[in-house]
Amino acid sequence: MLRGLGLFYVPTLLGLAATIALLRRTHAVHLHHYFTAALLVPLTRFPGRVPAIWQGLLVGFHLQGVAIFGIEPLFHPIQAMPLTV
């Protein structure tokens, strides 16, 4: 089971890190809670009540984020970012 998780997380996190590194000069990254929740769901595939509860919560976070905010991009062009004071 750990091998399967490694086969998912290693390429996913390396790809995300490489994309962030390649776009860091032109884009800002914002990992929305729906994306973060979706990344954590595979960790809940173990048997038992506690993983089932966490799976329900994470899927709920994912669906709530998408339903309320839509599928927002993870990378925003820097010049398009609103200035905050």
PDB file of N, CA and C in Angstrom:
ATOM      1  N   MET A   1       0.829  -1.194   0.000  1.00  0.00           N
ATOM      2  CA  MET A   1       0.000   0.000   0.000  1.00  0.00           C
ATOM      3  C   MET A   1       0.874   1.259   0.000  1.00  0.00           C
ATOM      4  N   LEU A   2       1.977   1.225   0.748  1.00  0.00           N
ATOM      5  CA  LEU A   2       2.871   2.382   0.779  1.00  0.00           C
ATOM      6  C   LEU A   2       3.540   2.614  -0.568  1.00  0.00           C
ATOM      7  N   ARG A   3       3.796   1.538  -1.287  1.00  0.00           N
ATOM      8  CA  ARG A   3       4.385   1.669  -2.620  1.00  0.00           C
ATOM      9  C   ARG A   3       3.444   2.435  -3.547  1.00  0.00           C
ATOM     10  N   GLY A   4       2.155   2.111  -3.478  1.00  0.00           N
ATOM     11  CA  GLY A   4       1.162   2.822  -4.287  1.00  0.00           C
ATOM     12  C   GLY A   4       1.090   4.297  -3.942  1.00  0.00           C
ATOM     13  N   LEU A   5       1.159   4.602  -2.648  1.00  0.00           N
ATOM     14  CA  LEU A   5       1.153   6.008  -2.236  1.00  0.00           C
ATOM     15  C   LEU A   5       2.398   6.732  -2.743  1.00  0.00           C
ATOM     16  N   GLY A   6       3.543   6.044  -2.676  1.00  0.00           N
ATOM     17  CA  GLY A   6       4.777   6.641  -3.182  1.00  0.00           C
ATOM     18  C   GLY A   6       4.722   6.888  -4.675  1.00  0.00           C
ATOM     19  N   LEU A   7       4.118   5.944  -5.406  1.00  0.00           N
ATOM     20  CA  LEU A   7       3.988   6.112  -6.856  1.00  0.00           C
ATOM     21  C   LEU A   7       3.056   7.264  -7.221  1.00  0.00           C
ATOM     22  N   PHE A   8       2.178   7.632  -6.317  1.00  0.00           N
ATOM     23  CA  PHE A   8       1.313   8.794  -6.542  1.00  0.00           C
ATOM     24  C   PHE A   8       1.997  10.089  -6.101  1.00  0.00           C
ATOM     25  N   TYR A   9       2.512  10.106  -4.865  1.00  0.00           N
ATOM     26  CA  TYR A   9       3.008  11.355  -4.298  1.00  0.00           C
ATOM     27  C   TYR A   9       4.349  11.816  -4.858  1.00  0.00           C
ATOM     28  N   VAL A  10       5.269  10.920  -5.130  1.00  0.00           N
ATOM     29  CA  VAL A  10       6.591  11.336  -5.604  1.00  0.00           C
ATOM     30  C   VAL A  10       6.483  12.096  -6.933  1.00  0.00           C
ATOM     31  N   PRO A  11       5.859  11.523  -7.975  1.00  0.00           N
ATOM     32  CA  PRO A  11       5.767  12.292  -9.229  1.00  0.00           C
ATOM     33  C   PRO A  11       4.893  13.531  -9.102  1.00  0.00           C
ATOM     34  N   THR A  12       3.824  13.442  -8.305  1.00  0.00           N
ATOM     35  CA  THR A  12       2.933  14.593  -8.154  1.00  0.00           C
ATOM     36  C   THR A  12       3.655  15.762  -7.493  1.00  0.00           C
ATOM     37  N   LEU A  13       4.339  15.511  -6.378  1.00  0.00           N
ATOM     38  CA  LEU A  13       5.016  16.588  -5.668  1.00  0.00           C
ATOM     39  C   LEU A  13       6.247  17.087  -6.422  1.00  0.00           C
ATOM     40  N   LEU A  14       6.964  16.186  -7.096  1.00  0.00           N
ATOM     41  CA  LEU A  14       8.094  16.629  -7.917  1.00  0.00           C
ATOM     42  C   LEU A  14       7.621  17.473  -9.096  1.00  0.00           C
ATOM     43  N   GLY A  15       6.535  17.065  -9.722  1.00  0.00           N
ATOM     44  CA  GLY A  15       5.983  17.848 -10.830  1.00  0.00           C
ATOM     45  C   GLY A  15       5.491  19.214 -10.377  1.00  0.00           C
ATOM     46  N   LEU A  16       4.838  19.259  -9.222  1.00  0.00           N
ATOM     47  CA  LEU A  16       4.375  20.535  -8.684  1.00  0.00           C
ATOM     48  C   LEU A  16       5.548  21.435  -8.337  1.00  0.00           C
ATOM     49  N   ALA A  17       6.579  20.878  -7.695  1.00  0.00           N
ATOM     50  CA  ALA A  17       7.762  21.666  -7.343  1.00  0.00           C
ATOM     51  C   ALA A  17       8.481  22.166  -8.596  1.00  0.00           C
ATOM     52  N   ALA A  18       8.582  21.335  -9.620  1.00  0.00           N
ATOM     53  CA  ALA A  18       9.237  21.754 -10.864  1.00  0.00           C
ATOM     54  C   ALA A  18       8.439  22.858 -11.554  1.00  0.00           C
ATOM     55  N   THR A  19       7.120  22.737 -11.569  1.00  0.00           N
ATOM     56  CA  THR A  19       6.274  23.766 -12.184  1.00  0.00           C
ATOM     57  C   THR A  19       6.399  25.080 -11.435  1.00  0.00           C
ATOM     58  N   ILE A  20       6.390  25.025 -10.108  1.00  0.00           N
ATOM     59  CA  ILE A  20       6.549  26.245  -9.313  1.00  0.00           C
ATOM     60  C   ILE A  20       7.903  26.883  -9.593  1.00  0.00           C
ATOM     61  N   ALA A  21       8.956  26.073  -9.663  1.00  0.00           N
ATOM     62  CA  ALA A  21      10.296  26.602  -9.925  1.00  0.00           C
ATOM     63  C   ALA A  21      10.385  27.230 -11.318  1.00  0.00           C
ATOM     64  N   LEU A  22       9.786  26.603 -12.307  1.00  0.00           N
ATOM     65  CA  LEU A  22       9.843  27.126 -13.674  1.00  0.00           C
ATOM     66  C   LEU A  22       9.028  28.409 -13.854  1.00  0.00           C
ATOM     67  N   LEU A  23       7.936  28.544 -13.114  1.00  0.00           N
ATOM     68  CA  LEU A  23       7.047  29.701 -13.284  1.00  0.00           C
ATOM     69  C   LEU A  23       7.225  30.783 -12.223  1.00  0.00           C
ATOM     70  N   ARG A  24       8.196  30.636 -11.334  1.00  0.00           N
ATOM     71  CA  ARG A  24       8.294  31.546 -10.183  1.00  0.00           C
ATOM     72  C   ARG A  24       8.513  33.000 -10.569  1.00  0.00           C
ATOM     73  N   ARG A  25       9.100  33.284 -11.712  1.00  0.00           N
ATOM     74  CA  ARG A  25       9.351  34.681 -12.105  1.00  0.00           C
ATOM     75  C   ARG A  25       8.144  35.346 -12.732  1.00  0.00           C
ATOM     76  N   THR A  26       7.254  34.558 -13.310  1.00  0.00           N
ATOM     77  CA  THR A  26       6.115  35.148 -14.011  1.00  0.00           C
ATOM     78  C   THR A  26       4.771  34.868 -13.345  1.00  0.00           C
ATOM     79  N   HIS A  27       4.726  33.887 -12.450  1.00  0.00           N
ATOM     80  CA  HIS A  27       3.458  33.497 -11.845  1.00  0.00           C
ATOM     81  C   HIS A  27       3.605  33.314 -10.336  1.00  0.00           C
ATOM     82  N   ALA A  28       2.505  33.580  -9.647  1.00  0.00           N
ATOM     83  CA  ALA A  28       2.430  33.306  -8.211  1.00  0.00           C
ATOM     84  C   ALA A  28       1.581  32.050  -8.035  1.00  0.00           C
ATOM     85  N   VAL A  29       1.968  31.227  -7.098  1.00  0.00           N
ATOM     86  CA  VAL A  29       1.221  29.995  -6.842  1.00  0.00           C
ATOM     87  C   VAL A  29       0.314  30.196  -5.634  1.00  0.00           C
ATOM     88  N   HIS A  30      -0.881  29.645  -5.740  1.00  0.00           N
ATOM     89  CA  HIS A  30      -1.814  29.666  -4.616  1.00  0.00           C
ATOM     90  C   HIS A  30      -2.476  28.299  -4.565  1.00  0.00           C
ATOM     91  N   LEU A  31      -2.095  27.483  -3.593  1.00  0.00           N
ATOM     92  CA  LEU A  31      -2.664  26.148  -3.452  1.00  0.00           C
ATOM     93  C   LEU A  31      -3.978  26.265  -2.687  1.00  0.00           C
ATOM     94  N   HIS A  32      -5.074  26.217  -3.421  1.00  0.00           N
ATOM     95  CA  HIS A  32      -6.400  26.341  -2.828  1.00  0.00           C
ATOM     96  C   HIS A  32      -6.711  25.136  -1.953  1.00  0.00           C
ATOM     97  N   HIS A  33      -7.652  25.325  -1.028  1.00  0.00           N
ATOM     98  CA  HIS A  33      -7.951  24.231  -0.103  1.00  0.00           C
ATOM     99  C   HIS A  33      -8.559  23.031  -0.819  1.00  0.00           C
ATOM    100  N   TYR A  34      -9.221  23.238  -1.948  1.00  0.00           N
ATOM    101  CA  TYR A  34      -9.752  22.088  -2.664  1.00  0.00           C
ATOM    102  C   TYR A  34      -8.616  21.235  -3.234  1.00  0.00           C
ATOM    103  N   PHE A  35      -7.538  21.871  -3.676  1.00  0.00           N
ATOM    104  CA  PHE A  35      -6.394  21.144  -4.227  1.00  0.00           C
ATOM    105  C   PHE A  35      -5.653  20.402  -3.120  1.00  0.00           C
ATOM    106  N   THR A  36      -5.442  21.066  -2.004  1.00  0.00           N
ATOM    107  CA  THR A  36      -4.747  20.451  -0.875  1.00  0.00           C
ATOM    108  C   THR A  36      -5.542  19.261  -0.335  1.00  0.00           C
ATOM    109  N   ALA A  37      -6.861  19.407  -0.211  1.00  0.00           N
ATOM    110  CA  ALA A  37      -7.697  18.303   0.270  1.00  0.00           C
ATOM    111  C   ALA A  37      -7.632  17.118  -0.692  1.00  0.00           C
ATOM    112  N   ALA A  38      -7.647  17.393  -1.989  1.00  0.00           N
ATOM    113  CA  ALA A  38      -7.577  16.307  -2.970  1.00  0.00           C
ATOM    114  C   ALA A  38      -6.239  15.581  -2.889  1.00  0.00           C
ATOM    115  N   LEU A  39      -5.164  16.298  -2.570  1.00  0.00           N
ATOM    116  CA  LEU A  39      -3.865  15.653  -2.424  1.00  0.00           C
ATOM    117  C   LEU A  39      -3.804  14.741  -1.197  1.00  0.00           C
ATOM    118  N   LEU A  40      -4.564  15.046  -0.174  1.00  0.00           N
ATOM    119  CA  LEU A  40      -4.520  14.268   1.062  1.00  0.00           C
ATOM    120  C   LEU A  40      -5.462  13.062   1.072  1.00  0.00           C
ATOM    121  N   VAL A  41      -6.433  13.024   0.179  1.00  0.00           N
ATOM    122  CA  VAL A  41      -7.408  11.926   0.167  1.00  0.00           C
ATOM    123  C   VAL A  41      -6.749  10.552   0.027  1.00  0.00           C
ATOM    124  N   PRO A  42      -5.723  10.351  -0.798  1.00  0.00           N
ATOM    125  CA  PRO A  42      -5.127   9.015  -0.880  1.00  0.00           C
ATOM    126  C   PRO A  42      -4.569   8.495   0.446  1.00  0.00           C
ATOM    127  N   LEU A  43      -4.269   9.364   1.389  1.00  0.00           N
ATOM    128  CA  LEU A  43      -3.769   8.920   2.686  1.00  0.00           C
ATOM    129  C   LEU A  43      -4.853   8.282   3.541  1.00  0.00           C
ATOM    130  N   THR A  44      -6.102   8.385   3.110  1.00  0.00           N
ATOM    131  CA  THR A  44      -7.222   7.859   3.891  1.00  0.00           C
ATOM    132  C   THR A  44      -7.693   6.495   3.386  1.00  0.00           C
ATOM    133  N   ARG A  45      -6.896   5.815   2.596  1.00  0.00           N
ATOM    134  CA  ARG A  45      -7.335   4.542   2.020  1.00  0.00           C
ATOM    135  C   ARG A  45      -7.136   3.351   2.951  1.00  0.00           C
ATOM    136  N   PHE A  46      -6.671   3.592   4.151  1.00  0.00           N
ATOM    137  CA  PHE A  46      -6.464   2.514   5.113  1.00  0.00           C
ATOM    138  C   PHE A  46      -7.791   2.124   5.755  1.00  0.00           C
ATOM    139  N   PRO A  47      -7.941   0.861   6.211  1.00  0.00           N
ATOM    140  CA  PRO A  47      -9.197   0.441   6.827  1.00  0.00           C
ATOM    141  C   PRO A  47      -9.374   1.055   8.216  1.00  0.00           C
ATOM    142  N   GLY A  48     -10.606   1.249   8.596  1.00  0.00           N
ATOM    143  CA  GLY A  48     -10.906   1.743   9.935  1.00  0.00           C
ATOM    144  C   GLY A  48     -11.811   2.955   9.906  1.00  0.00           C
ATOM    145  N   ARG A  49     -12.287   3.299  11.093  1.00  0.00           N
ATOM    146  CA  ARG A  49     -13.205   4.435  11.218  1.00  0.00           C
ATOM    147  C   ARG A  49     -12.513   5.777  11.069  1.00  0.00           C
ATOM    148  N   VAL A  50     -11.346   5.908  11.653  1.00  0.00           N
ATOM    149  CA  VAL A  50     -10.648   7.208  11.614  1.00  0.00           C
ATOM    150  C   VAL A  50     -10.290   7.603  10.180  1.00  0.00           C
ATOM    151  N   PRO A  51      -9.695   6.723   9.364  1.00  0.00           N
ATOM    152  CA  PRO A  51      -9.447   7.107   7.968  1.00  0.00           C
ATOM    153  C   PRO A  51     -10.739   7.414   7.205  1.00  0.00           C
ATOM    154  N   ALA A  52     -11.829   6.699   7.526  1.00  0.00           N
ATOM    155  CA  ALA A  52     -13.106   6.963   6.856  1.00  0.00           C
ATOM    156  C   ALA A  52     -13.634   8.353   7.216  1.00  0.00           C
ATOM    157  N   ILE A  53     -13.469   8.738   8.471  1.00  0.00           N
ATOM    158  CA  ILE A  53     -13.898  10.079   8.896  1.00  0.00           C
ATOM    159  C   ILE A  53     -13.074  11.142   8.191  1.00  0.00           C
ATOM    160  N   TRP A  54     -11.751  10.944   8.158  1.00  0.00           N
ATOM    161  CA  TRP A  54     -10.884  11.914   7.471  1.00  0.00           C
ATOM    162  C   TRP A  54     -11.194  11.977   5.984  1.00  0.00           C
ATOM    163  N   GLN A  55     -11.488  10.829   5.390  1.00  0.00           N
ATOM    164  CA  GLN A  55     -11.824  10.820   3.968  1.00  0.00           C
ATOM    165  C   GLN A  55     -13.086  11.643   3.717  1.00  0.00           C
ATOM    166  N   GLY A  56     -14.088  11.461   4.547  1.00  0.00           N
ATOM    167  CA  GLY A  56     -15.312  12.248   4.409  1.00  0.00           C
ATOM    168  C   GLY A  56     -15.059  13.732   4.562  1.00  0.00           C
ATOM    169  N   LEU A  57     -14.251  14.108   5.544  1.00  0.00           N
ATOM    170  CA  LEU A  57     -13.931  15.522   5.740  1.00  0.00           C
ATOM    171  C   LEU A  57     -13.165  16.103   4.553  1.00  0.00           C
ATOM    172  N   LEU A  58     -12.173  15.370   4.079  1.00  0.00           N
ATOM    173  CA  LEU A  58     -11.363  15.879   2.966  1.00  0.00           C
ATOM    174  C   LEU A  58     -12.162  15.979   1.674  1.00  0.00           C
ATOM    175  N   VAL A  59     -12.986  14.993   1.405  1.00  0.00           N
ATOM    176  CA  VAL A  59     -13.832  15.068   0.214  1.00  0.00           C
ATOM    177  C   VAL A  59     -14.825  16.227   0.360  1.00  0.00           C
ATOM    178  N   GLY A  60     -15.333  16.444   1.567  1.00  0.00           N
ATOM    179  CA  GLY A  60     -16.212  17.582   1.813  1.00  0.00           C
ATOM    180  C   GLY A  60     -15.508  18.905   1.595  1.00  0.00           C
ATOM    181  N   PHE A  61     -14.262  19.029   2.066  1.00  0.00           N
ATOM    182  CA  PHE A  61     -13.497  20.261   1.832  1.00  0.00           C
ATOM    183  C   PHE A  61     -13.297  20.487   0.340  1.00  0.00           C
ATOM    184  N   HIS A  62     -12.975  19.417  -0.368  1.00  0.00           N
ATOM    185  CA  HIS A  62     -12.754  19.513  -1.806  1.00  0.00           C
ATOM    186  C   HIS A  62     -14.028  19.970  -2.517  1.00  0.00           C
ATOM    187  N   LEU A  63     -15.134  19.312  -2.244  1.00  0.00           N
ATOM    188  CA  LEU A  63     -16.390  19.649  -2.914  1.00  0.00           C
ATOM    189  C   LEU A  63     -16.893  21.034  -2.534  1.00  0.00           C
ATOM    190  N   GLN A  64     -16.739  21.417  -1.278  1.00  0.00           N
ATOM    191  CA  GLN A  64     -17.175  22.745  -0.846  1.00  0.00           C
ATOM    192  C   GLN A  64     -16.372  23.822  -1.549  1.00  0.00           C
ATOM    193  N   GLY A  65     -15.064  23.636  -1.651  1.00  0.00           N
ATOM    194  CA  GLY A  65     -14.231  24.623  -2.326  1.00  0.00           C
ATOM    195  C   GLY A  65     -14.575  24.782  -3.790  1.00  0.00           C
ATOM    196  N   VAL A  66     -14.808  23.669  -4.463  1.00  0.00           N
ATOM    197  CA  VAL A  66     -15.159  23.727  -5.881  1.00  0.00           C
ATOM    198  C   VAL A  66     -16.561  24.308  -6.066  1.00  0.00           C
ATOM    199  N   ALA A  67     -17.500  23.938  -5.205  1.00  0.00           N
ATOM    200  CA  ALA A  67     -18.872  24.427  -5.335  1.00  0.00           C
ATOM    201  C   ALA A  67     -18.969  25.927  -5.069  1.00  0.00           C
ATOM    202  N   ILE A  68     -18.233  26.421  -4.099  1.00  0.00           N
ATOM    203  CA  ILE A  68     -18.314  27.837  -3.739  1.00  0.00           C
ATOM    204  C   ILE A  68     -17.471  28.708  -4.663  1.00  0.00           C
ATOM    205  N   PHE A  69     -16.237  28.301  -4.899  1.00  0.00           N
ATOM    206  CA  PHE A  69     -15.296  29.156  -5.626  1.00  0.00           C
ATOM    207  C   PHE A  69     -15.046  28.719  -7.063  1.00  0.00           C
ATOM    208  N   GLY A  70     -15.484  27.534  -7.449  1.00  0.00           N
ATOM    209  CA  GLY A  70     -15.180  27.012  -8.778  1.00  0.00           C
ATOM    210  C   GLY A  70     -13.751  26.480  -8.804  1.00  0.00           C
ATOM    211  N   ILE A  71     -13.344  26.025  -9.969  1.00  0.00           N
ATOM    212  CA  ILE A  71     -11.984  25.522 -10.123  1.00  0.00           C
ATOM    213  C   ILE A  71     -11.086  26.724 -10.424  1.00  0.00           C
ATOM    214  N   GLU A  72     -10.515  27.279  -9.393  1.00  0.00           N
ATOM    215  CA  GLU A  72      -9.610  28.409  -9.539  1.00  0.00           C
ATOM    216  C   GLU A  72      -8.245  27.905 -10.002  1.00  0.00           C
ATOM    217  N   PRO A  73      -7.542  28.685 -10.805  1.00  0.00           N
ATOM    218  CA  PRO A  73      -6.201  28.262 -11.224  1.00  0.00           C
ATOM    219  C   PRO A  73      -5.226  28.280 -10.050  1.00  0.00           C
ATOM    220  N   LEU A  74      -4.240  27.407 -10.107  1.00  0.00           N
ATOM    221  CA  LEU A  74      -3.215  27.372  -9.071  1.00  0.00           C
ATOM    222  C   LEU A  74      -2.126  28.410  -9.327  1.00  0.00           C
ATOM    223  N   PHE A  75      -1.965  28.811 -10.583  1.00  0.00           N
ATOM    224  CA  PHE A  75      -0.916  29.761 -10.951  1.00  0.00           C
ATOM    225  C   PHE A  75      -1.555  31.000 -11.554  1.00  0.00           C
ATOM    226  N   HIS A  76      -1.232  32.148 -10.973  1.00  0.00           N
ATOM    227  CA  HIS A  76      -1.744  33.427 -11.451  1.00  0.00           C
ATOM    228  C   HIS A  76      -0.583  34.250 -11.981  1.00  0.00           C
ATOM    229  N   PRO A  77      -0.755  34.896 -13.148  1.00  0.00           N
ATOM    230  CA  PRO A  77       0.302  35.802 -13.609  1.00  0.00           C
ATOM    231  C   PRO A  77       0.540  36.896 -12.565  1.00  0.00           C
ATOM    232  N   ILE A  78       1.786  37.230 -12.330  1.00  0.00           N
ATOM    233  CA  ILE A  78       2.122  38.188 -11.273  1.00  0.00           C
ATOM    234  C   ILE A  78       1.483  39.542 -11.535  1.00  0.00           C
ATOM    235  N   GLN A  79       1.489  40.030 -12.768  1.00  0.00           N
ATOM    236  CA  GLN A  79       0.933  41.343 -13.057  1.00  0.00           C
ATOM    237  C   GLN A  79      -0.596  41.370 -12.881  1.00  0.00           C
ATOM    238  N   ALA A  80      -1.259  40.213 -12.871  1.00  0.00           N
ATOM    239  CA  ALA A  80      -2.699  40.167 -12.694  1.00  0.00           C
ATOM    240  C   ALA A  80      -3.102  40.052 -11.221  1.00  0.00           C
ATOM    241  N   MET A  81      -2.134  39.881 -10.325  1.00  0.00           N
ATOM    242  CA  MET A  81      -2.448  39.748  -8.911  1.00  0.00           C
ATOM    243  C   MET A  81      -2.874  41.104  -8.347  1.00  0.00           C
ATOM    244  N   PRO A  82      -3.983  41.161  -7.600  1.00  0.00           N
ATOM    245  CA  PRO A  82      -4.376  42.420  -6.987  1.00  0.00           C
ATOM    246  C   PRO A  82      -3.398  42.820  -5.882  1.00  0.00           C
ATOM    247  N   LEU A  83      -3.155  44.106  -5.784  1.00  0.00           N
ATOM    248  CA  LEU A  83      -2.259  44.602  -4.736  1.00  0.00           C
ATOM    249  C   LEU A  83      -3.022  44.701  -3.430  1.00  0.00           C
ATOM    250  N   THR A  84      -2.427  44.247  -2.363  1.00  0.00           N
ATOM    251  CA  THR A  84      -3.032  44.356  -1.041  1.00  0.00           C
ATOM    252  C   THR A  84      -2.176  45.276  -0.193  1.00  0.00           C
ATOM    253  N   VAL A  85      -2.839  46.036   0.612  1.00  0.00           N
ATOM    254  CA  VAL A  85      -2.114  46.991   1.463  1.00  0.00           C
ATOM    255  C   VAL A  85      -2.093  46.481   2.873  1.00  0.00           C
TER     256      VAL A  85
END
